[in-house]
């Protein structure tokens, strides 16, 4: 539906997210103005209790990205642990999920 992807990774022991936005998706900041990425653990009720979140338009752009995608990232203060996940949500609601990651696995 949208030319965007999401990746969970870790840096300095913290949960981080990368947004991949297709370079041809030039109005993504307007489209995703109220979109946000929520960090949670699989033991939480994901629709009610996010450990932390960040609006997509506030993610930091990372260099030139890839050939086809611009890459933006955010480092949370949530310690990475098995079960941590991230979701990319369309607007201020909790039910318009665009994409989510698999739970983090140790090792």
PDB file of N, CA and C in Angstrom:
ATOM      1  N   UNK A   1       0.824  -1.183   0.000  1.00  0.00           N
ATOM      2  CA  UNK A   1       0.000   0.000   0.000  1.00  0.00           C
ATOM      3  C   UNK A   1       0.876   1.258   0.000  1.00  0.00           C
ATOM      4  N   UNK A   2       1.831   1.357   0.924  1.00  0.00           N
ATOM      5  CA  UNK A   2       2.771   2.483   0.944  1.00  0.00           C
ATOM      6  C   UNK A   2       4.168   1.932   0.697  1.00  0.00           C
ATOM      7  N   UNK A   3       5.025   2.760   0.159  1.00  0.00           N
ATOM      8  CA  UNK A   3       6.393   2.339  -0.129  1.00  0.00           C
ATOM      9  C   UNK A   3       7.277   2.580   1.078  1.00  0.00           C
ATOM     10  N   UNK A   4       6.997   1.827   2.160  1.00  0.00           N
ATOM     11  CA  UNK A   4       7.734   1.980   3.411  1.00  0.00           C
ATOM     12  C   UNK A   4       7.939   0.617   4.058  1.00  0.00           C
ATOM     13  N   UNK A   5       9.062   0.476   4.760  1.00  0.00           N
ATOM     14  CA  UNK A   5       9.362  -0.747   5.493  1.00  0.00           C
ATOM     15  C   UNK A   5       9.892  -0.405   6.870  1.00  0.00           C
ATOM     16  N   UNK A   6      10.001  -1.405   7.723  1.00  0.00           N
ATOM     17  CA  UNK A   6      10.403  -1.213   9.102  1.00  0.00           C
ATOM     18  C   UNK A   6      11.357  -2.321   9.518  1.00  0.00           C
ATOM     19  N   UNK A   7      12.389  -1.958  10.274  1.00  0.00           N
ATOM     20  CA  UNK A   7      13.360  -2.934  10.761  1.00  0.00           C
ATOM     21  C   UNK A   7      13.684  -2.624  12.219  1.00  0.00           C
ATOM     22  N   UNK A   8      13.728  -3.665  13.042  1.00  0.00           N
ATOM     23  CA  UNK A   8      14.166  -3.565  14.431  1.00  0.00           C
ATOM     24  C   UNK A   8      15.630  -3.962  14.486  1.00  0.00           C
ATOM     25  N   UNK A   9      16.439  -3.174  15.193  1.00  0.00           N
ATOM     26  CA  UNK A   9      17.846  -3.522  15.397  1.00  0.00           C
ATOM     27  C   UNK A   9      18.275  -2.996  16.752  1.00  0.00           C
ATOM     28  N   UNK A  10      19.493  -3.311  17.144  1.00  0.00           N
ATOM     29  CA  UNK A  10      19.979  -2.864  18.443  1.00  0.00           C
ATOM     30  C   UNK A  10      21.273  -2.080  18.275  1.00  0.00           C
ATOM     31  N   UNK A  11      21.431  -1.082  19.136  1.00  0.00           N
ATOM     32  CA  UNK A  11      22.657  -0.292  19.183  1.00  0.00           C
ATOM     33  C   UNK A  11      22.880   0.084  20.640  1.00  0.00           C
ATOM     34  N   UNK A  12      24.065  -0.211  21.137  1.00  0.00           N
ATOM     35  CA  UNK A  12      24.411   0.083  22.527  1.00  0.00           C
ATOM     36  C   UNK A  12      23.415  -0.536  23.513  1.00  0.00           C
ATOM     37  N   UNK A  13      22.876  -1.694  23.155  1.00  0.00           N
ATOM     38  CA  UNK A  13      21.956  -2.402  24.024  1.00  0.00           C
ATOM     39  C   UNK A  13      20.534  -1.860  24.040  1.00  0.00           C
ATOM     40  N   UNK A  14      20.239  -0.885  23.180  1.00  0.00           N
ATOM     41  CA  UNK A  14      18.905  -0.273  23.125  1.00  0.00           C
ATOM     42  C   UNK A  14      18.174  -0.712  21.856  1.00  0.00           C
ATOM     43  N   UNK A  15      16.852  -0.749  21.930  1.00  0.00           N
ATOM     44  CA  UNK A  15      16.022  -1.080  20.779  1.00  0.00           C
ATOM     45  C   UNK A  15      15.963   0.123  19.837  1.00  0.00           C
ATOM     46  N   UNK A  16      16.179  -0.136  18.564  1.00  0.00           N
ATOM     47  CA  UNK A  16      16.175   0.910  17.546  1.00  0.00           C
ATOM     48  C   UNK A  16      15.284   0.484  16.383  1.00  0.00           C
ATOM     49  N   UNK A  17      14.825   1.455  15.633  1.00  0.00           N
ATOM     50  CA  UNK A  17      13.999   1.169  14.469  1.00  0.00           C
ATOM     51  C   UNK A  17      14.537   1.936  13.273  1.00  0.00           C
ATOM     52  N   UNK A  18      14.457   1.283  12.122  1.00  0.00           N
ATOM     53  CA  UNK A  18      14.779   1.922  10.849  1.00  0.00           C
ATOM     54  C   UNK A  18      13.529   1.932   9.987  1.00  0.00           C
ATOM     55  N   UNK A  19      13.246   3.076   9.404  1.00  0.00           N
ATOM     56  CA  UNK A  19      12.198   3.201   8.402  1.00  0.00           C
ATOM     57  C   UNK A  19      12.850   3.283   7.040  1.00  0.00           C
ATOM     58  N   UNK A  20      12.347   2.501   6.125  1.00  0.00           N
ATOM     59  CA  UNK A  20      12.802   2.535   4.735  1.00  0.00           C
ATOM     60  C   UNK A  20      11.675   3.150   3.923  1.00  0.00           C
ATOM     61  N   UNK A  21      11.954   4.298   3.309  1.00  0.00           N
ATOM     62  CA  UNK A  21      10.964   5.012   2.514  1.00  0.00           C
ATOM     63  C   UNK A  21      11.453   5.032   1.069  1.00  0.00           C
ATOM     64  N   UNK A  22      10.630   4.500   0.171  1.00  0.00           N
ATOM     65  CA  UNK A  22      10.986   4.462  -1.254  1.00  0.00           C
ATOM     66  C   UNK A  22      11.302   5.880  -1.732  1.00  0.00           C
ATOM     67  N   UNK A  23      12.401   6.045  -2.442  1.00  0.00           N
ATOM     68  CA  UNK A  23      12.837   7.379  -2.878  1.00  0.00           C
ATOM     69  C   UNK A  23      11.799   8.074  -3.750  1.00  0.00           C
ATOM     70  N   UNK A  24      10.960   7.311  -4.436  1.00  0.00           N
ATOM     71  CA  UNK A  24       9.925   7.910  -5.273  1.00  0.00           C
ATOM     72  C   UNK A  24       8.718   8.391  -4.461  1.00  0.00           C
ATOM     73  N   UNK A  25       8.648   8.049  -3.173  1.00  0.00           N
ATOM     74  CA  UNK A  25       7.550   8.442  -2.291  1.00  0.00           C
ATOM     75  C   UNK A  25       7.892   9.820  -1.731  1.00  0.00           C
ATOM     76  N   UNK A  26       7.790  10.837  -2.550  1.00  0.00           N
ATOM     77  CA  UNK A  26       8.288  12.165  -2.203  1.00  0.00           C
ATOM     78  C   UNK A  26       7.424  12.904  -1.189  1.00  0.00           C
ATOM     79  N   UNK A  27       6.148  12.585  -1.085  1.00  0.00           N
ATOM     80  CA  UNK A  27       5.292  13.287  -0.124  1.00  0.00           C
ATOM     81  C   UNK A  27       5.046  12.460   1.138  1.00  0.00           C
ATOM     82  N   UNK A  28       5.986  11.580   1.496  1.00  0.00           N
ATOM     83  CA  UNK A  28       5.789  10.699   2.649  1.00  0.00           C
ATOM     84  C   UNK A  28       5.628  11.477   3.952  1.00  0.00           C
ATOM     85  N   UNK A  29       6.319  12.620   4.099  1.00  0.00           N
ATOM     86  CA  UNK A  29       6.202  13.384   5.351  1.00  0.00           C
ATOM     87  C   UNK A  29       4.802  13.962   5.517  1.00  0.00           C
ATOM     88  N   UNK A  30       4.141  14.313   4.421  1.00  0.00           N
ATOM     89  CA  UNK A  30       2.756  14.768   4.501  1.00  0.00           C
ATOM     90  C   UNK A  30       1.832  13.589   4.801  1.00  0.00           C
ATOM     91  N   UNK A  31       2.015  12.492   4.097  1.00  0.00           N
ATOM     92  CA  UNK A  31       1.185  11.300   4.279  1.00  0.00           C
ATOM     93  C   UNK A  31       1.329  10.729   5.683  1.00  0.00           C
ATOM     94  N   UNK A  32       2.563  10.703   6.200  1.00  0.00           N
ATOM     95  CA  UNK A  32       2.844  10.109   7.502  1.00  0.00           C
ATOM     96  C   UNK A  32       3.009  11.145   8.613  1.00  0.00           C
ATOM     97  N   UNK A  33       2.421  12.324   8.446  1.00  0.00           N
ATOM     98  CA  UNK A  33       2.613  13.402   9.418  1.00  0.00           C
ATOM     99  C   UNK A  33       2.248  12.967  10.835  1.00  0.00           C
ATOM    100  N   UNK A  34       1.187  12.184  11.002  1.00  0.00           N
ATOM    101  CA  UNK A  34       0.768  11.721  12.325  1.00  0.00           C
ATOM    102  C   UNK A  34       1.157  10.267  12.583  1.00  0.00           C
ATOM    103  N   UNK A  35       1.948   9.684  11.702  1.00  0.00           N
ATOM    104  CA  UNK A  35       2.362   8.286  11.870  1.00  0.00           C
ATOM    105  C   UNK A  35       3.441   8.176  12.921  1.00  0.00           C
ATOM    106  N   UNK A  36       3.468   7.036  13.605  1.00  0.00           N
ATOM    107  CA  UNK A  36       4.429   6.844  14.680  1.00  0.00           C
ATOM    108  C   UNK A  36       4.859   5.395  14.759  1.00  0.00           C
ATOM    109  N   UNK A  37       6.002   5.190  15.384  1.00  0.00           N
ATOM    110  CA  UNK A  37       6.542   3.856  15.599  1.00  0.00           C
ATOM    111  C   UNK A  37       6.529   3.606  17.103  1.00  0.00           C
ATOM    112  N   UNK A  38       5.857   2.540  17.513  1.00  0.00           N
ATOM    113  CA  UNK A  38       5.757   2.176  18.917  1.00  0.00           C
ATOM    114  C   UNK A  38       6.604   0.973  19.244  1.00  0.00           C
ATOM    115  N   UNK A  39       7.330   1.047  20.351  1.00  0.00           N
ATOM    116  CA  UNK A  39       8.172  -0.045  20.842  1.00  0.00           C
ATOM    117  C   UNK A  39       7.438  -0.719  21.998  1.00  0.00           C
ATOM    118  N   UNK A  40       7.411  -2.039  21.998  1.00  0.00           N
ATOM    119  CA  UNK A  40       6.750  -2.759  23.077  1.00  0.00           C
ATOM    120  C   UNK A  40       7.354  -4.150  23.209  1.00  0.00           C
ATOM    121  N   UNK A  41       7.013  -4.834  24.282  1.00  0.00           N
ATOM    122  CA  UNK A  41       7.428  -6.224  24.431  1.00  0.00           C
ATOM    123  C   UNK A  41       6.216  -7.100  24.162  1.00  0.00           C
ATOM    124  N   UNK A  42       6.450  -8.305  23.712  1.00  0.00           N
ATOM    125  CA  UNK A  42       5.338  -9.184  23.355  1.00  0.00           C
ATOM    126  C   UNK A  42       4.485  -9.546  24.558  1.00  0.00           C
ATOM    127  N   UNK A  43       4.981  -9.289  25.776  1.00  0.00           N
ATOM    128  CA  UNK A  43       4.184  -9.563  26.970  1.00  0.00           C
ATOM    129  C   UNK A  43       3.211  -8.418  27.281  1.00  0.00           C
ATOM    130  N   UNK A  44       3.354  -7.293  26.608  1.00  0.00           N
ATOM    131  CA  UNK A  44       2.462  -6.159  26.830  1.00  0.00           C
ATOM    132  C   UNK A  44       1.253  -6.251  25.909  1.00  0.00           C
ATOM    133  N   UNK A  45       0.169  -5.611  26.293  1.00  0.00           N
ATOM    134  CA  UNK A  45      -0.959  -5.473  25.388  1.00  0.00           C
ATOM    135  C   UNK A  45      -0.575  -4.384  24.390  1.00  0.00           C
ATOM    136  N   UNK A  46      -0.204  -4.782  23.212  1.00  0.00           N
ATOM    137  CA  UNK A  46       0.371  -3.852  22.242  1.00  0.00           C
ATOM    138  C   UNK A  46      -0.569  -2.709  21.858  1.00  0.00           C
ATOM    139  N   UNK A  47      -1.844  -2.890  21.985  1.00  0.00           N
ATOM    140  CA  UNK A  47      -2.757  -1.824  21.596  1.00  0.00           C
ATOM    141  C   UNK A  47      -2.961  -0.790  22.690  1.00  0.00           C
ATOM    142  N   UNK A  48      -2.395  -1.018  23.864  1.00  0.00           N
ATOM    143  CA  UNK A  48      -2.614  -0.083  24.965  1.00  0.00           C
ATOM    144  C   UNK A  48      -1.329   0.422  25.600  1.00  0.00           C
ATOM    145  N   UNK A  49      -0.303  -0.395  25.624  1.00  0.00           N
ATOM    146  CA  UNK A  49       0.868  -0.066  26.431  1.00  0.00           C
ATOM    147  C   UNK A  49       2.162  -0.142  25.627  1.00  0.00           C
ATOM    148  N   UNK A  50       2.523   0.942  24.990  1.00  0.00           N
ATOM    149  CA  UNK A  50       3.815   1.003  24.310  1.00  0.00           C
ATOM    150  C   UNK A  50       4.838   1.520  25.306  1.00  0.00           C
ATOM    151  N   UNK A  51       6.018   0.922  25.298  1.00  0.00           N
ATOM    152  CA  UNK A  51       7.078   1.359  26.208  1.00  0.00           C
ATOM    153  C   UNK A  51       7.574   2.739  25.836  1.00  0.00           C
ATOM    154  N   UNK A  52       7.653   2.997  24.552  1.00  0.00           N
ATOM    155  CA  UNK A  52       8.079   4.295  24.045  1.00  0.00           C
ATOM    156  C   UNK A  52       7.625   4.389  22.598  1.00  0.00           C
ATOM    157  N   UNK A  53       7.626   5.585  22.053  1.00  0.00           N
ATOM    158  CA  UNK A  53       7.252   5.766  20.657  1.00  0.00           C
ATOM    159  C   UNK A  53       7.936   7.011  20.114  1.00  0.00           C
ATOM    160  N   UNK A  54       7.902   7.140  18.789  1.00  0.00           N
ATOM    161  CA  UNK A  54       8.443   8.328  18.131  1.00  0.00           C
ATOM    162  C   UNK A  54       7.656   8.549  16.846  1.00  0.00           C
ATOM    163  N   UNK A  55       7.360   9.802  16.546  1.00  0.00           N
ATOM    164  CA  UNK A  55       6.703  10.121  15.287  1.00  0.00           C
ATOM    165  C   UNK A  55       7.686   9.894  14.130  1.00  0.00           C
ATOM    166  N   UNK A  56       7.180   9.336  13.052  1.00  0.00           N
ATOM    167  CA  UNK A  56       8.018   8.977  11.903  1.00  0.00           C
ATOM    168  C   UNK A  56       8.746  10.182  11.314  1.00  0.00           C
ATOM    169  N   UNK A  57       8.097  11.325  11.283  1.00  0.00           N
ATOM    170  CA  UNK A  57       8.727  12.516  10.696  1.00  0.00           C
ATOM    171  C   UNK A  57       9.904  13.012  11.530  1.00  0.00           C
ATOM    172  N   UNK A  58      10.052  12.507  12.765  1.00  0.00           N
ATOM    173  CA  UNK A  58      11.170  12.906  13.628  1.00  0.00           C
ATOM    174  C   UNK A  58      12.355  11.942  13.563  1.00  0.00           C
ATOM    175  N   UNK A  59      12.245  10.886  12.784  1.00  0.00           N
ATOM    176  CA  UNK A  59      13.372   9.965  12.636  1.00  0.00           C
ATOM    177  C   UNK A  59      14.520  10.678  11.930  1.00  0.00           C
ATOM    178  N   UNK A  60      15.738  10.283  12.246  1.00  0.00           N
ATOM    179  CA  UNK A  60      16.937  10.895  11.671  1.00  0.00           C
ATOM    180  C   UNK A  60      17.298  10.220  10.353  1.00  0.00           C
ATOM    181  N   UNK A  61      17.496  11.020   9.302  1.00  0.00           N
ATOM    182  CA  UNK A  61      17.881  10.473   8.004  1.00  0.00           C
ATOM    183  C   UNK A  61      19.326  10.001   8.064  1.00  0.00           C
ATOM    184  N   UNK A  62      19.577   8.823   7.515  1.00  0.00           N
ATOM    185  CA  UNK A  62      20.897   8.209   7.552  1.00  0.00           C
ATOM    186  C   UNK A  62      21.556   8.266   6.172  1.00  0.00           C
ATOM    187  N   UNK A  63      22.366   9.253   5.952  1.00  0.00           N
ATOM    188  CA  UNK A  63      23.141   9.365   4.711  1.00  0.00           C
ATOM    189  C   UNK A  63      22.286   9.305   3.464  1.00  0.00           C
ATOM    190  N   UNK A  64      22.822   8.635   2.443  1.00  0.00           N
ATOM    191  CA  UNK A  64      22.136   8.540   1.160  1.00  0.00           C
ATOM    192  C   UNK A  64      21.200   7.343   1.073  1.00  0.00           C
ATOM    193  N   UNK A  65      21.145   6.505   2.106  1.00  0.00           N
ATOM    194  CA  UNK A  65      20.277   5.338   2.083  1.00  0.00           C
ATOM    195  C   UNK A  65      20.785   4.276   1.131  1.00  0.00           C
ATOM    196  N   UNK A  66      19.865   3.622   0.471  1.00  0.00           N
ATOM    197  CA  UNK A  66      20.217   2.589  -0.507  1.00  0.00           C
ATOM    198  C   UNK A  66      19.868   3.117  -1.894  1.00  0.00           C
ATOM    199  N   UNK A  67      20.035   2.287  -2.891  1.00  0.00           N
ATOM    200  CA  UNK A  67      19.727   2.705  -4.257  1.00  0.00           C
ATOM    201  C   UNK A  67      18.264   3.123  -4.408  1.00  0.00           C
ATOM    202  N   UNK A  68      17.355   2.390  -3.754  1.00  0.00           N
ATOM    203  CA  UNK A  68      15.927   2.637  -3.927  1.00  0.00           C
ATOM    204  C   UNK A  68      15.220   3.265  -2.727  1.00  0.00           C
ATOM    205  N   UNK A  69      15.871   3.243  -1.562  1.00  0.00           N
ATOM    206  CA  UNK A  69      15.205   3.702  -0.347  1.00  0.00           C
ATOM    207  C   UNK A  69      16.036   4.729   0.410  1.00  0.00           C
ATOM    208  N   UNK A  70      15.332   5.715   1.005  1.00  0.00           N
ATOM    209  CA  UNK A  70      15.936   6.572   2.006  1.00  0.00           C
ATOM    210  C   UNK A  70      15.747   5.855   3.335  1.00  0.00           C
ATOM    211  N   UNK A  71      16.745   5.962   4.210  1.00  0.00           N
ATOM    212  CA  UNK A  71      16.712   5.256   5.484  1.00  0.00           C
ATOM    213  C   UNK A  71      16.704   6.278   6.615  1.00  0.00           C
ATOM    214  N   UNK A  72      15.769   6.086   7.541  1.00  0.00           N
ATOM    215  CA  UNK A  72      15.617   6.948   8.704  1.00  0.00           C
ATOM    216  C   UNK A  72      15.650   6.056   9.931  1.00  0.00           C
ATOM    217  N   UNK A  73      16.228   6.539  11.023  1.00  0.00           N
ATOM    218  CA  UNK A  73      16.268   5.683  12.211  1.00  0.00           C
ATOM    219  C   UNK A  73      16.053   6.464  13.492  1.00  0.00           C
ATOM    220  N   UNK A  74      15.697   5.686  14.519  1.00  0.00           N
ATOM    221  CA  UNK A  74      15.447   6.220  15.859  1.00  0.00           C
ATOM    222  C   UNK A  74      15.982   5.218  16.868  1.00  0.00           C
ATOM    223  N   UNK A  75      16.703   5.717  17.870  1.00  0.00           N
ATOM    224  CA  UNK A  75      17.214   4.887  18.960  1.00  0.00           C
ATOM    225  C   UNK A  75      16.392   5.202  20.202  1.00  0.00           C
ATOM    226  N   UNK A  76      15.717   4.179  20.729  1.00  0.00           N
ATOM    227  CA  UNK A  76      14.903   4.369  21.924  1.00  0.00           C
ATOM    228  C   UNK A  76      15.759   4.188  23.169  1.00  0.00           C
ATOM    229  N   UNK A  77      15.150   4.385  24.313  1.00  0.00           N
ATOM    230  CA  UNK A  77      15.811   4.114  25.592  1.00  0.00           C
ATOM    231  C   UNK A  77      15.402   2.748  26.145  1.00  0.00           C
ATOM    232  N   UNK A  78      14.605   2.010  25.378  1.00  0.00           N
ATOM    233  CA  UNK A  78      14.159   0.682  25.787  1.00  0.00           C
ATOM    234  C   UNK A  78      15.291  -0.326  25.596  1.00  0.00           C
ATOM    235  N   UNK A  79      15.651  -1.016  26.649  1.00  0.00           N
ATOM    236  CA  UNK A  79      16.696  -2.039  26.555  1.00  0.00           C
ATOM    237  C   UNK A  79      16.210  -3.172  25.656  1.00  0.00           C
ATOM    238  N   UNK A  80      17.072  -3.590  24.744  1.00  0.00           N
ATOM    239  CA  UNK A  80      16.716  -4.702  23.866  1.00  0.00           C
ATOM    240  C   UNK A  80      16.668  -5.988  24.690  1.00  0.00           C
ATOM    241  N   UNK A  81      15.667  -6.802  24.435  1.00  0.00           N
ATOM    242  CA  UNK A  81      15.475  -8.058  25.155  1.00  0.00           C
ATOM    243  C   UNK A  81      14.590  -8.949  24.296  1.00  0.00           C
ATOM    244  N   UNK A  82      14.632 -10.245  24.526  1.00  0.00           N
ATOM    245  CA  UNK A  82      13.742 -11.123  23.773  1.00  0.00           C
ATOM    246  C   UNK A  82      12.291 -10.667  23.904  1.00  0.00           C
ATOM    247  N   UNK A  83      11.580 -10.646  22.803  1.00  0.00           N
ATOM    248  CA  UNK A  83      10.175 -10.238  22.796  1.00  0.00           C
ATOM    249  C   UNK A  83       9.925  -8.796  22.416  1.00  0.00           C
ATOM    250  N   UNK A  84      10.952  -7.950  22.348  1.00  0.00           N
ATOM    251  CA  UNK A  84      10.754  -6.553  21.945  1.00  0.00           C
ATOM    252  C   UNK A  84      10.354  -6.518  20.473  1.00  0.00           C
ATOM    253  N   UNK A  85       9.370  -5.687  20.168  1.00  0.00           N
ATOM    254  CA  UNK A  85       8.895  -5.518  18.803  1.00  0.00           C
ATOM    255  C   UNK A  85       8.640  -4.039  18.535  1.00  0.00           C
ATOM    256  N   UNK A  86       8.484  -3.688  17.270  1.00  0.00           N
ATOM    257  CA  UNK A  86       8.072  -2.337  16.897  1.00  0.00           C
ATOM    258  C   UNK A  86       6.947  -2.419  15.876  1.00  0.00           C
ATOM    259  N   UNK A  87       6.083  -1.425  15.949  1.00  0.00           N
ATOM    260  CA  UNK A  87       4.983  -1.294  14.994  1.00  0.00           C
ATOM    261  C   UNK A  87       4.997   0.103  14.410  1.00  0.00           C
ATOM    262  N   UNK A  88       4.668   0.189  13.145  1.00  0.00           N
ATOM    263  CA  UNK A  88       4.533   1.454  12.442  1.00  0.00           C
ATOM    264  C   UNK A  88       3.039   1.675  12.253  1.00  0.00           C
ATOM    265  N   UNK A  89       2.515   2.729  12.870  1.00  0.00           N
ATOM    266  CA  UNK A  89       1.083   3.002  12.855  1.00  0.00           C
ATOM    267  C   UNK A  89       0.779   4.265  12.064  1.00  0.00           C
ATOM    268  N   UNK A  90      -0.329   4.252  11.355  1.00  0.00           N
ATOM    269  CA  UNK A  90      -0.655   5.309  10.402  1.00  0.00           C
ATOM    270  C   UNK A  90      -0.956   6.651  11.051  1.00  0.00           C
ATOM    271  N   UNK A  91      -1.671   6.643  12.171  1.00  0.00           N
ATOM    272  CA  UNK A  91      -2.078   7.923  12.756  1.00  0.00           C
ATOM    273  C   UNK A  91      -2.148   7.811  14.274  1.00  0.00           C
ATOM    274  N   UNK A  92      -2.847   8.711  14.906  1.00  0.00           N
ATOM    275  CA  UNK A  92      -2.879   8.761  16.368  1.00  0.00           C
ATOM    276  C   UNK A  92      -3.598   7.567  16.997  1.00  0.00           C
ATOM    277  N   UNK A  93      -4.354   6.825  16.189  1.00  0.00           N
ATOM    278  CA  UNK A  93      -5.059   5.658  16.725  1.00  0.00           C
ATOM    279  C   UNK A  93      -4.082   4.501  16.919  1.00  0.00           C
ATOM    280  N   UNK A  94      -4.576   3.447  17.524  1.00  0.00           N
ATOM    281  CA  UNK A  94      -3.754   2.271  17.788  1.00  0.00           C
ATOM    282  C   UNK A  94      -4.061   1.124  16.832  1.00  0.00           C
ATOM    283  N   UNK A  95      -5.031   1.288  15.950  1.00  0.00           N
ATOM    284  CA  UNK A  95      -5.479   0.149  15.157  1.00  0.00           C
ATOM    285  C   UNK A  95      -5.139   0.209  13.671  1.00  0.00           C
ATOM    286  N   UNK A  96      -4.536   1.272  13.197  1.00  0.00           N
ATOM    287  CA  UNK A  96      -4.187   1.369  11.780  1.00  0.00           C
ATOM    288  C   UNK A  96      -2.706   1.039  11.582  1.00  0.00           C
ATOM    289  N   UNK A  97      -2.388  -0.234  11.800  1.00  0.00           N
ATOM    290  CA  UNK A  97      -1.007  -0.706  11.721  1.00  0.00           C
ATOM    291  C   UNK A  97      -0.601  -0.866  10.262  1.00  0.00           C
ATOM    292  N   UNK A  98       0.528  -0.266   9.897  1.00  0.00           N
ATOM    293  CA  UNK A  98       1.063  -0.411   8.552  1.00  0.00           C
ATOM    294  C   UNK A  98       1.964  -1.634   8.444  1.00  0.00           C
ATOM    295  N   UNK A  99       2.805  -1.817   9.448  1.00  0.00           N
ATOM    296  CA  UNK A  99       3.745  -2.939   9.449  1.00  0.00           C
ATOM    297  C   UNK A  99       4.249  -3.139  10.874  1.00  0.00           C
ATOM    298  N   UNK A 100       4.680  -4.356  11.176  1.00  0.00           N
ATOM    299  CA  UNK A 100       5.291  -4.635  12.472  1.00  0.00           C
ATOM    300  C   UNK A 100       6.425  -5.629  12.274  1.00  0.00           C
ATOM    301  N   UNK A 101       7.326  -5.673  13.237  1.00  0.00           N
ATOM    302  CA  UNK A 101       8.455  -6.599  13.161  1.00  0.00           C
ATOM    303  C   UNK A 101       8.159  -7.867  13.947  1.00  0.00           C
ATOM    304  N   UNK A 102       8.952  -8.866  13.711  1.00  0.00           N
ATOM    305  CA  UNK A 102       8.904 -10.078  14.516  1.00  0.00           C
ATOM    306  C   UNK A 102       9.533  -9.759  15.875  1.00  0.00           C
ATOM    307  N   UNK A 103       9.194 -10.530  16.924  1.00  0.00           N
ATOM    308  CA  UNK A 103       9.820 -10.298  18.229  1.00  0.00           C
ATOM    309  C   UNK A 103      11.330 -10.543  18.173  1.00  0.00           C
ATOM    310  N   UNK A 104      12.064  -9.720  18.895  1.00  0.00           N
ATOM    311  CA  UNK A 104      13.525  -9.859  18.995  1.00  0.00           C
ATOM    312  C   UNK A 104      13.863 -11.179  19.676  1.00  0.00           C
ATOM    313  N   UNK A 105      14.839 -11.858  19.122  1.00  0.00           N
ATOM    314  CA  UNK A 105      15.304 -13.121  19.735  1.00  0.00           C
ATOM    315  C   UNK A 105      16.755 -12.958  20.115  1.00  0.00           C
ATOM    316  N   UNK A 106      17.119 -13.459  21.278  1.00  0.00           N
ATOM    317  CA  UNK A 106      18.509 -13.333  21.724  1.00  0.00           C
ATOM    318  C   UNK A 106      19.387 -14.312  20.947  1.00  0.00           C
ATOM    319  N   UNK A 107      20.675 -13.926  20.862  1.00  0.00           N
ATOM    320  CA  UNK A 107      21.666 -14.799  20.236  1.00  0.00           C
ATOM    321  C   UNK A 107      21.677 -14.626  18.811  1.00  0.00           C
TER     322      UNK A 107
END
